[in-house]
Amino acid sequence: MSSESFISKNGHYLAISAGLALSILMWVLNPFHLDENARRVIAAATLMITWWITEALPMPVVALLPIVLFPLFGISTIKETTAPYANEVVFLFMGGFMIGLAIEKWNLHKRIALSIVNYTGTSGNRIILGFILATGLISMWISNTATTMMMFPIAISVINVIGDGKDGTSMRNFSLCLMLAIAYASNFGGIATIIGTPPNVAYISYISKKFNYEISFFDWAVLCLPIALILMFSLYFVSVKMLFPNKISSSPEMQALIRSELLALGPLSKTEKRVLVVFLFTALMWMTRDLINQLGIVKLDDNMIAIMGALLLFIVPSGINGTKLLNWSDTSKMAWGILLLFGGGITLATAMEKAGLMDMLGQWIAGYSGTDLFVLLIVITTVTIFLSEVMSNIAQVIVFAPVVTSIAQAAGLNPLVLGIGMTLAASCASMMPMGTPPNAIVFASGHVRMKDMMKAGLVMNLISIVLIVLFCYYLLPRLMAIS
């Protein structure tokens, strides 16, 4: 056995042991003087959160723990425990996943990306801007990981084509900016829509269950698309104008590469047109849902529309060998584990809330932070964005949504203002490779050094905090007509 595998194996068992030890200690010592049921819940929560943070087990596997632990220790019945795994918002994300699979399957995403880059121009700065816009746009509809994986080889090709004969510093800065662009734009683009990134879905699900209050697909896009675009343009300005400027002008070779890639795709195929129609139909239904419901003929919600769009993909023929736009075998590529993660997270949050833990924590933090909304926003956004550098953003939102809600209620504030701020911040981790999968993907390219990612990431984190705090404090209450 190599030393690396030995360390990896022992680290795995150490993480498992640490979670068990902390969980037992939390139950035995009862440092917060909780009642018996609350002690059991916090012990289970400690185990799950520790294993999530340390990645002792795959996150979806950890999310299944409540199904065993909660009935076993009398926290809730098996029926109550398993119900959140079929929460209606799970199906919203499932439908979004399937639409994303169809877009990827028939290469529509690549055509969109290349077309945007071709339109923006082929100088160094314009290429980076084109990649930011293309990546952000695609990440609004498919996972940030899938978006980065799709854009990564295109970016590498671009770097290779224009690398010959260029100044060393300019080329290094260009390569670095391009890698960071596709990682950060994937993260920022995802916050623009409900289905763009798992934390959005997790928070929407919590709010729906907690307050029976629904934020529609259209409402979320109206609220968060502007801040996503501002973050993407801030990324462009910071990377190419401040931190890593390049002096690469437009070149015939680059123009030829982009055009040859587009020519290789050929004209928009019949299959791509059909996928595009289903996608646009679904997006239009999300945006006009409230108008349709006002007619009184049918009652639609975003979950139904997402599944409707997914079903159409299995019904509409692709025009190739009698197949449909999606076959069931295509769903093997879908992130089923994320759906389990939602269920486990909602179950844990519900148990913690019923045990009174969220109210206690909220009152404690509010006692230290005061009741000033602006101060609370700064504290929560800052803690969230830097914690998400080392903790999964989806697990973080699942755990923190009840906490932030309790803080807001204890302070007499509207929980949506703090909650949406926390959710947006969870998707903006930019300093560390382990912050998000896109960060890890581009870091592995060899074009990004740790000190460069930390420098750029720190600046983007601070910009994200400022923008999110200002947005949530000044604009969000007015846009949503909430106080």
Protein backbone atom coordinates (compact mmCIF):
# COMPACT_ATOMS: atom_id res chain seq x y z
CA MET A 1 0.00 0.00 0.00
CA SER A 2 1.38 3.44 -0.96
CA SER A 3 1.81 6.14 1.68
CA GLU A 4 -0.88 8.25 -0.03
CA SER A 5 -3.50 5.49 0.07
CA PHE A 6 -2.52 4.66 3.66
CA ILE A 7 -3.05 8.27 4.71
CA SER A 8 -6.28 8.47 2.73
CA LYS A 9 -7.65 5.28 4.29
CA ASN A 10 -6.71 6.31 7.82
CA GLY A 11 -8.09 9.81 7.27
CA HIS A 12 -11.38 8.23 6.25
CA TYR A 13 -11.63 6.18 9.43
CA LEU A 14 -10.48 9.14 11.51
CA ALA A 15 -13.31 11.26 10.09
CA ILE A 16 -15.86 8.53 10.84
CA SER A 17 -14.50 8.13 14.38
CA ALA A 18 -14.47 11.87 14.96
CA GLY A 19 -18.12 12.15 13.99
CA LEU A 20 -19.13 9.30 16.29
CA ALA A 21 -17.04 10.64 19.18
CA LEU A 22 -18.41 14.18 18.88
CA SER A 23 -21.96 12.87 18.63
CA ILE A 24 -21.59 10.72 21.77
CA LEU A 25 -19.93 13.55 23.67
CA MET A 26 -22.70 15.94 22.71
CA TRP A 27 -25.29 13.49 24.05
CA VAL A 28 -23.42 12.51 27.24
CA LEU A 29 -22.14 15.95 28.30
CA ASN A 30 -25.27 17.83 27.22
CA PRO A 31 -23.38 21.18 27.26
CA PHE A 32 -26.50 23.20 26.43
CA HIS A 33 -28.67 21.57 29.15
CA LEU A 34 -31.26 20.27 26.72
CA ASP A 35 -34.18 17.94 27.36
CA GLU A 36 -33.87 14.30 26.37
CA ASN A 37 -35.40 14.61 22.90
CA ALA A 38 -33.34 17.67 22.04
CA ARG A 39 -30.20 15.86 23.20
CA ARG A 40 -30.89 13.03 20.78
CA VAL A 41 -31.55 15.41 17.92
CA ILE A 42 -28.38 17.45 18.49
CA ALA A 43 -26.34 14.25 18.77
CA ALA A 44 -27.69 13.07 15.40
CA ALA A 45 -27.15 16.53 13.90
CA THR A 46 -23.56 16.61 15.16
CA LEU A 47 -22.87 13.24 13.55
CA MET A 48 -24.37 14.25 10.20
CA ILE A 49 -22.77 17.69 10.06
CA THR A 50 -19.34 16.34 11.04
CA TRP A 51 -19.51 13.66 8.36
CA TRP A 52 -20.69 16.22 5.82
CA ILE A 53 -17.85 18.62 6.62
CA THR A 54 -15.15 15.92 6.72
CA GLU A 55 -16.67 13.95 3.81
CA ALA A 56 -16.27 10.79 5.88
CA LEU A 57 -18.99 9.24 3.70
CA PRO A 58 -20.60 10.45 0.47
CA MET A 59 -22.99 13.26 1.31
CA PRO A 60 -26.12 11.49 -0.02
CA VAL A 61 -25.24 8.48 2.15
CA VAL A 62 -25.02 10.71 5.23
CA ALA A 63 -28.41 12.15 4.26
CA LEU A 64 -29.93 8.67 4.68
CA LEU A 65 -28.91 8.46 8.36
CA PRO A 66 -32.19 9.94 9.71
CA ILE A 67 -34.14 7.01 8.26
CA VAL A 68 -32.27 4.74 10.69
CA LEU A 69 -31.45 7.03 13.60
CA PHE A 70 -34.68 9.00 14.06
CA PRO A 71 -37.10 6.05 14.42
CA LEU A 72 -34.47 4.05 16.35
CA PHE A 73 -34.06 6.72 19.02
CA GLY A 74 -37.66 7.88 19.09
CA ILE A 75 -37.05 11.26 17.48
CA SER A 76 -39.81 10.72 14.91
CA THR A 77 -41.72 7.89 13.29
CA ILE A 78 -40.51 6.26 10.09
CA LYS A 79 -43.44 7.83 8.23
CA GLU A 80 -42.58 11.32 9.48
CA THR A 81 -38.88 10.77 8.79
CA THR A 82 -39.23 9.61 5.21
CA ALA A 83 -41.88 12.10 4.07
CA PRO A 84 -39.40 14.93 3.28
CA TYR A 85 -37.51 12.67 0.87
CA ALA A 86 -40.52 13.11 -1.43
CA ASN A 87 -40.86 16.83 -0.79
CA GLU A 88 -42.46 18.56 -3.76
CA VAL A 89 -39.40 20.73 -4.40
CA VAL A 90 -37.33 17.58 -4.95
CA PHE A 91 -39.32 17.11 -8.13
CA LEU A 92 -38.63 20.68 -9.23
CA PHE A 93 -34.94 19.91 -9.20
CA MET A 94 -35.47 16.51 -10.79
CA GLY A 95 -37.25 18.14 -13.72
CA GLY A 96 -34.51 20.75 -14.00
CA PHE A 97 -31.87 18.02 -14.00
CA MET A 98 -33.61 16.20 -16.85
CA ILE A 99 -33.91 19.34 -18.95
CA GLY A 100 -30.21 19.96 -18.38
CA LEU A 101 -29.41 16.38 -19.43
CA ALA A 102 -31.23 16.87 -22.73
CA ILE A 103 -29.42 20.16 -23.41
CA GLU A 104 -26.10 18.41 -22.79
CA LYS A 105 -27.00 15.23 -24.66
CA TRP A 106 -27.67 17.03 -27.94
CA ASN A 107 -24.79 19.55 -27.63
CA LEU A 108 -27.06 22.58 -27.45
CA HIS A 109 -24.98 23.94 -24.57
CA LYS A 110 -21.79 23.91 -26.64
CA ARG A 111 -23.47 25.77 -29.49
CA ILE A 112 -24.72 28.45 -27.08
CA ALA A 113 -21.27 28.86 -25.51
CA LEU A 114 -19.39 29.10 -28.81
CA SER A 115 -21.95 31.50 -30.26
CA ILE A 116 -21.59 33.89 -27.34
CA VAL A 117 -17.79 33.81 -27.50
CA ASN A 118 -17.93 34.33 -31.27
CA TYR A 119 -20.19 37.33 -30.74
CA THR A 120 -18.14 39.00 -27.99
CA GLY A 121 -14.87 38.95 -29.96
CA THR A 122 -11.51 37.20 -29.74
CA SER A 123 -9.09 39.54 -27.98
CA GLY A 124 -7.86 38.29 -24.63
CA ASN A 125 -10.29 40.40 -22.60
CA ARG A 126 -13.22 39.75 -24.90
CA ILE A 127 -12.64 36.00 -24.85
CA ILE A 128 -12.72 36.08 -21.06
CA LEU A 129 -15.89 38.18 -21.10
CA GLY A 130 -17.45 35.78 -23.59
CA PHE A 131 -16.62 32.78 -21.43
CA ILE A 132 -18.03 34.50 -18.34
CA LEU A 133 -21.32 35.28 -20.09
CA ALA A 134 -21.61 31.89 -21.78
CA THR A 135 -20.74 29.97 -18.63
CA GLY A 136 -23.05 32.04 -16.44
CA LEU A 137 -25.96 31.70 -18.87
CA ILE A 138 -25.63 27.93 -19.10
CA SER A 139 -25.15 27.55 -15.35
CA MET A 140 -28.56 29.14 -14.81
CA TRP A 141 -30.10 25.97 -16.20
CA ILE A 142 -27.71 23.09 -15.55
CA SER A 143 -25.47 22.31 -12.60
CA ASN A 144 -22.37 24.44 -12.08
CA THR A 145 -20.23 21.29 -12.10
CA ALA A 146 -21.61 20.13 -15.46
CA THR A 147 -21.23 23.65 -16.86
CA THR A 148 -17.58 23.84 -15.81
CA MET A 149 -16.84 20.39 -17.18
CA MET A 150 -18.36 21.41 -20.51
CA MET A 151 -16.52 24.73 -20.74
CA PHE A 152 -13.20 23.39 -19.46
CA PRO A 153 -12.01 21.60 -22.63
CA ILE A 154 -13.12 24.53 -24.78
CA ALA A 155 -11.08 26.89 -22.59
CA ILE A 156 -8.04 24.60 -22.77
CA SER A 157 -8.32 24.56 -26.56
CA VAL A 158 -8.44 28.35 -26.63
CA ILE A 159 -5.35 28.59 -24.40
CA ASN A 160 -3.44 26.16 -26.62
CA VAL A 161 -4.36 27.95 -29.84
CA ILE A 162 -3.27 31.44 -28.81
CA GLY A 163 -0.33 30.39 -26.62
CA ASP A 164 2.37 30.33 -29.29
CA GLY A 165 4.50 33.44 -29.50
CA LYS A 166 2.70 35.34 -26.76
CA ASP A 167 4.42 37.22 -23.93
CA GLY A 168 4.90 34.90 -20.94
CA THR A 169 3.25 37.12 -18.32
CA SER A 170 0.34 38.01 -20.57
CA MET A 171 -0.27 34.37 -21.42
CA ARG A 172 -0.08 33.25 -17.79
CA ASN A 173 -2.55 35.94 -16.78
CA PHE A 174 -4.85 35.10 -19.66
CA SER A 175 -4.81 31.37 -18.85
CA LEU A 176 -5.38 32.06 -15.17
CA CYS A 177 -8.25 34.46 -15.84
CA LEU A 178 -9.92 32.07 -18.26
CA MET A 179 -9.81 29.21 -15.75
CA LEU A 180 -11.11 31.35 -12.91
CA ALA A 181 -13.76 32.80 -15.22
CA ILE A 182 -15.44 29.48 -15.95
CA ALA A 183 -15.32 28.40 -12.29
CA TYR A 184 -16.61 31.61 -10.75
CA ALA A 185 -19.15 32.33 -13.50
CA SER A 186 -20.56 28.82 -13.01
CA ASN A 187 -21.05 29.61 -9.33
CA PHE A 188 -22.49 33.09 -9.87
CA GLY A 189 -24.73 32.12 -12.79
CA GLY A 190 -26.35 29.40 -10.73
CA ILE A 191 -27.81 31.85 -8.23
CA ALA A 192 -29.97 33.49 -10.92
CA THR A 193 -32.61 30.73 -11.07
CA ILE A 194 -34.14 28.34 -8.56
CA ILE A 195 -32.81 25.29 -10.39
CA GLY A 196 -29.40 26.81 -11.11
CA THR A 197 -27.77 25.49 -7.94
CA PRO A 198 -28.87 23.11 -5.15
CA PRO A 199 -28.73 25.69 -2.31
CA ASN A 200 -31.49 27.71 -4.00
CA VAL A 201 -33.77 24.69 -4.14
CA ALA A 202 -32.94 23.75 -0.56
CA TYR A 203 -33.90 27.18 0.75
CA ILE A 204 -37.07 27.43 -1.34
CA SER A 205 -38.08 24.02 -0.03
CA TYR A 206 -37.50 25.07 3.58
CA ILE A 207 -39.46 28.32 3.21
CA SER A 208 -42.33 26.52 1.52
CA LYS A 209 -42.52 23.94 4.29
CA LYS A 210 -41.94 26.36 7.18
CA PHE A 211 -44.23 29.25 6.19
CA ASN A 212 -46.35 27.80 3.39
CA TYR A 213 -44.92 30.68 1.36
CA GLU A 214 -43.98 30.11 -2.24
CA ILE A 215 -41.31 32.00 -4.16
CA SER A 216 -41.99 31.29 -7.83
CA PHE A 217 -39.40 30.61 -10.47
CA PHE A 218 -40.13 33.99 -12.04
CA ASP A 219 -39.95 35.87 -8.73
CA TRP A 220 -36.57 34.36 -7.91
CA ALA A 221 -35.21 35.18 -11.38
CA VAL A 222 -36.41 38.80 -11.14
CA LEU A 223 -34.74 39.11 -7.74
CA CYS A 224 -31.47 37.28 -8.35
CA LEU A 225 -30.67 37.59 -12.06
CA PRO A 226 -29.51 41.22 -11.63
CA ILE A 227 -27.13 40.39 -8.78
CA ALA A 228 -25.80 37.38 -10.72
CA LEU A 229 -25.04 39.63 -13.70
CA ILE A 230 -23.41 42.27 -11.48
CA LEU A 231 -21.22 39.57 -9.92
CA MET A 232 -20.20 38.30 -13.35
CA PHE A 233 -19.26 41.76 -14.62
CA SER A 234 -17.44 42.40 -11.34
CA LEU A 235 -15.50 39.19 -11.96
CA TYR A 236 -14.52 40.46 -15.40
CA PHE A 237 -13.38 43.85 -14.11
CA VAL A 238 -11.47 42.44 -11.13
CA SER A 239 -9.70 39.70 -13.07
CA VAL A 240 -8.67 41.45 -16.29
CA LYS A 241 -8.44 45.08 -15.17
CA MET A 242 -7.10 44.81 -11.62
CA LEU A 243 -5.45 41.52 -10.71
CA PHE A 244 -4.30 39.70 -13.86
CA PRO A 245 -4.29 42.00 -16.91
CA ASN A 246 -3.24 40.61 -20.28
CA LYS A 247 -2.24 42.35 -23.49
CA ILE A 248 -3.48 39.75 -25.95
CA SER A 249 -5.13 41.33 -28.94
CA SER A 250 -7.58 39.73 -31.33
CA SER A 251 -6.00 37.12 -33.59
CA PRO A 252 -7.07 35.43 -36.82
CA GLU A 253 -6.16 32.04 -35.27
CA MET A 254 -8.66 32.49 -32.46
CA GLN A 255 -11.41 33.66 -34.76
CA ALA A 256 -10.73 30.66 -36.98
CA LEU A 257 -10.90 28.24 -34.03
CA ILE A 258 -14.26 29.53 -32.78
CA ARG A 259 -15.73 29.57 -36.29
CA SER A 260 -14.40 26.10 -37.09
CA GLU A 261 -15.96 24.75 -33.91
CA LEU A 262 -19.29 26.31 -34.86
CA LEU A 263 -19.00 25.03 -38.42
CA ALA A 264 -18.24 21.56 -37.10
CA LEU A 265 -21.55 21.64 -35.23
CA GLY A 266 -23.32 22.46 -38.50
CA PRO A 267 -26.69 24.22 -38.69
CA LEU A 268 -29.12 23.86 -35.81
CA SER A 269 -30.35 20.29 -36.15
CA LYS A 270 -33.96 19.16 -35.95
CA THR A 271 -33.19 17.49 -32.64
CA GLU A 272 -31.58 20.59 -31.16
CA LYS A 273 -34.59 22.65 -32.26
CA ARG A 274 -36.92 20.24 -30.46
CA VAL A 275 -34.88 20.37 -27.25
CA LEU A 276 -34.78 24.16 -27.51
CA VAL A 277 -38.56 24.31 -27.96
CA VAL A 278 -39.16 22.15 -24.87
CA PHE A 279 -36.68 24.24 -22.88
CA LEU A 280 -38.22 27.56 -23.96
CA PHE A 281 -41.72 26.22 -23.37
CA THR A 282 -40.80 25.20 -19.81
CA ALA A 283 -39.09 28.53 -19.10
CA LEU A 284 -42.09 30.43 -20.52
CA MET A 285 -44.48 28.42 -18.34
CA TRP A 286 -42.37 29.24 -15.26
CA MET A 287 -42.41 32.94 -16.13
CA THR A 288 -46.13 33.16 -16.95
CA ARG A 289 -47.42 30.72 -14.34
CA ASP A 290 -49.11 33.38 -12.23
CA LEU A 291 -50.89 34.83 -15.26
CA ILE A 292 -52.11 31.38 -16.25
CA ASN A 293 -53.36 30.67 -12.74
CA GLN A 294 -55.30 33.94 -12.69
CA LEU A 295 -57.44 32.61 -15.55
CA GLY A 296 -58.87 30.09 -13.10
CA ILE A 297 -58.78 27.18 -15.55
CA VAL A 298 -55.83 25.30 -14.05
CA LYS A 299 -53.62 25.70 -10.98
CA LEU A 300 -49.94 25.30 -11.85
CA ASP A 301 -46.85 25.44 -9.68
CA ASP A 302 -43.14 25.36 -10.54
CA ASN A 303 -42.78 21.70 -9.54
CA MET A 304 -45.52 20.59 -11.92
CA ILE A 305 -44.05 22.65 -14.76
CA ALA A 306 -40.57 21.17 -14.25
CA ILE A 307 -41.92 17.61 -14.41
CA MET A 308 -44.11 18.56 -17.38
CA GLY A 309 -41.02 19.71 -19.25
CA ALA A 310 -39.16 16.54 -18.28
CA LEU A 311 -42.05 14.33 -19.43
CA LEU A 312 -42.11 16.08 -22.79
CA LEU A 313 -38.46 15.11 -23.31
CA PHE A 314 -39.43 11.44 -22.97
CA ILE A 315 -42.39 11.90 -25.33
CA VAL A 316 -41.02 14.07 -28.16
CA PRO A 317 -39.09 12.04 -30.77
CA SER A 318 -35.52 13.05 -31.48
CA GLY A 319 -35.86 12.21 -35.17
CA ILE A 320 -32.92 9.79 -34.95
CA ASN A 321 -33.51 6.02 -35.11
CA GLY A 322 -36.90 6.24 -33.45
CA THR A 323 -35.46 7.50 -30.14
CA LYS A 324 -36.89 10.24 -27.94
CA LEU A 325 -35.12 13.39 -26.80
CA LEU A 326 -34.41 11.58 -23.54
CA ASN A 327 -34.29 7.88 -22.81
CA TRP A 328 -34.39 6.49 -19.30
CA SER A 329 -30.81 5.28 -19.68
CA ASP A 330 -29.76 8.95 -19.97
CA THR A 331 -30.85 9.54 -16.38
CA SER A 332 -27.97 7.39 -15.15
CA LYS A 333 -25.92 10.59 -15.48
CA MET A 334 -28.28 12.53 -13.24
CA ALA A 335 -27.19 13.59 -9.76
CA TRP A 336 -29.70 11.43 -7.90
CA GLY A 337 -27.67 11.86 -4.73
CA ILE A 338 -28.57 15.55 -4.60
CA LEU A 339 -32.24 14.60 -4.36
CA LEU A 340 -31.50 12.33 -1.40
CA LEU A 341 -29.47 15.12 0.15
CA PHE A 342 -32.48 17.41 0.05
CA GLY A 343 -34.65 14.86 1.80
CA GLY A 344 -32.14 14.15 4.55
CA GLY A 345 -31.46 17.83 5.10
CA ILE A 346 -35.14 18.73 5.35
CA THR A 347 -35.71 15.87 7.79
CA LEU A 348 -32.81 17.01 9.98
CA ALA A 349 -33.91 20.65 9.91
CA THR A 350 -37.48 19.67 10.83
CA ALA A 351 -36.31 17.59 13.78
CA MET A 352 -34.02 20.36 15.04
CA GLU A 353 -36.83 22.85 14.76
CA LYS A 354 -39.37 20.66 16.59
CA ALA A 355 -36.85 20.11 19.37
CA GLY A 356 -36.50 23.88 19.85
CA LEU A 357 -32.83 23.93 18.88
CA MET A 358 -33.25 26.48 16.11
CA ASP A 359 -35.04 28.97 18.34
CA MET A 360 -32.35 28.62 21.01
CA LEU A 361 -29.52 29.14 18.52
CA GLY A 362 -31.27 32.03 16.85
CA GLN A 363 -31.84 33.81 20.14
CA TRP A 364 -28.22 33.25 21.17
CA ILE A 365 -26.77 34.67 17.94
CA ALA A 366 -29.28 37.52 17.87
CA GLY A 367 -28.29 38.34 21.44
CA TYR A 368 -24.68 38.83 20.34
CA SER A 369 -25.41 40.46 16.98
CA GLY A 370 -28.25 42.68 18.12
CA THR A 371 -31.41 43.26 16.12
CA ASP A 372 -30.07 45.65 13.49
CA LEU A 373 -30.82 44.14 10.10
CA PHE A 374 -27.76 45.63 8.41
CA VAL A 375 -25.38 44.24 11.06
CA LEU A 376 -27.06 40.83 10.98
CA LEU A 377 -26.80 40.72 7.20
CA ILE A 378 -23.09 41.48 7.33
CA VAL A 379 -22.45 38.84 9.99
CA ILE A 380 -24.53 36.08 8.37
CA THR A 381 -23.30 36.74 4.83
CA THR A 382 -19.67 36.88 5.90
CA VAL A 383 -19.87 33.73 8.02
CA THR A 384 -21.71 31.87 5.27
CA ILE A 385 -19.39 32.77 2.40
CA PHE A 386 -16.19 31.91 4.25
CA LEU A 387 -17.59 28.75 5.84
CA SER A 388 -18.67 27.56 2.40
CA GLU A 389 -14.98 27.52 1.44
CA VAL A 390 -14.61 24.36 3.53
CA MET A 391 -18.17 23.02 3.74
CA SER A 392 -20.58 21.90 1.04
CA ASN A 393 -22.88 24.80 0.20
CA ILE A 394 -25.95 22.60 -0.07
CA ALA A 395 -25.34 21.03 3.35
CA GLN A 396 -24.66 24.48 4.74
CA VAL A 397 -27.97 25.91 3.52
CA ILE A 398 -29.88 22.87 4.74
CA VAL A 399 -28.42 23.30 8.22
CA PHE A 400 -28.40 27.12 8.35
CA ALA A 401 -31.85 27.88 6.90
CA PRO A 402 -33.65 27.10 10.18
CA VAL A 403 -30.94 28.89 12.17
CA VAL A 404 -31.16 32.08 10.13
CA THR A 405 -34.95 31.97 10.25
CA SER A 406 -34.88 31.70 14.02
CA ILE A 407 -32.41 34.59 14.24
CA ALA A 408 -34.73 36.76 12.15
CA GLN A 409 -37.78 35.81 14.18
CA ALA A 410 -35.99 36.42 17.46
CA ALA A 411 -34.92 39.85 16.19
CA GLY A 412 -38.40 40.64 14.85
CA LEU A 413 -37.19 40.75 11.23
CA ASN A 414 -38.50 39.21 8.03
CA PRO A 415 -36.69 35.84 7.66
CA LEU A 416 -36.61 36.03 3.86
CA VAL A 417 -34.19 38.96 3.88
CA LEU A 418 -31.61 37.12 5.98
CA GLY A 419 -32.35 33.72 4.41
CA ILE A 420 -31.95 34.79 0.80
CA GLY A 421 -28.74 36.62 1.72
CA MET A 422 -27.40 33.46 3.35
CA THR A 423 -28.43 31.33 0.36
CA LEU A 424 -26.79 33.60 -2.21
CA ALA A 425 -23.59 33.81 -0.16
CA ALA A 426 -23.37 30.01 0.05
CA SER A 427 -22.83 29.85 -3.73
CA CYS A 428 -20.07 32.49 -3.89
CA ALA A 429 -17.09 30.66 -2.34
CA SER A 430 -14.10 31.65 -4.46
CA MET A 431 -10.89 31.27 -2.43
CA MET A 432 -10.30 27.55 -2.08
CA PRO A 433 -10.31 24.62 -4.54
CA MET A 434 -12.57 22.65 -2.18
CA GLY A 435 -15.07 25.53 -1.97
CA THR A 436 -17.07 24.27 -4.98
CA PRO A 437 -16.55 21.54 -7.60
CA PRO A 438 -15.92 24.17 -10.34
CA ASN A 439 -13.09 25.61 -8.25
CA ALA A 440 -11.54 22.15 -7.91
CA ILE A 441 -11.89 21.41 -11.64
CA VAL A 442 -10.02 24.52 -12.80
CA PHE A 443 -7.42 24.25 -10.04
CA ALA A 444 -6.52 20.83 -11.39
CA SER A 445 -5.73 22.36 -14.80
CA GLY A 446 -2.28 23.51 -13.65
CA HIS A 447 -2.98 27.07 -14.81
CA VAL A 448 -4.16 28.20 -11.37
CA ARG A 449 -1.83 28.50 -8.39
CA MET A 450 -3.21 28.41 -4.86
CA LYS A 451 -1.98 31.93 -4.06
CA ASP A 452 -3.66 33.28 -7.20
CA MET A 453 -6.97 31.60 -6.42
CA MET A 454 -6.84 32.85 -2.84
CA LYS A 455 -6.03 36.40 -3.98
CA ALA A 456 -8.75 36.52 -6.61
CA GLY A 457 -11.15 34.60 -4.39
CA LEU A 458 -10.69 36.94 -1.43
CA VAL A 459 -11.46 39.96 -3.59
CA MET A 460 -14.54 38.25 -5.10
CA ASN A 461 -15.69 37.11 -1.65
CA LEU A 462 -15.51 40.67 -0.33
CA ILE A 463 -17.31 42.03 -3.41
CA SER A 464 -19.96 39.32 -3.03
CA ILE A 465 -20.50 40.22 0.62
CA VAL A 466 -20.90 43.92 -0.17
CA LEU A 467 -23.27 43.31 -3.10
CA ILE A 468 -25.39 40.73 -1.30
CA VAL A 469 -25.72 42.87 1.85
CA LEU A 470 -26.65 45.98 -0.12
CA PHE A 471 -29.04 44.03 -2.33
CA CYS A 472 -30.82 42.33 0.57
CA TYR A 473 -30.96 45.47 2.72
CA TYR A 474 -32.03 48.07 0.18
CA LEU A 475 -33.64 46.28 -2.77
CA LEU A 476 -35.01 42.93 -1.63
CA PRO A 477 -37.72 44.33 0.71
CA ARG A 478 -38.94 46.68 -1.99
CA LEU A 479 -38.86 44.15 -4.82
CA MET A 480 -40.76 41.57 -2.77
CA ALA A 481 -42.97 44.12 -0.99
CA ILE A 482 -41.89 42.72 2.36
CA SER A 483 -40.83 44.46 5.53
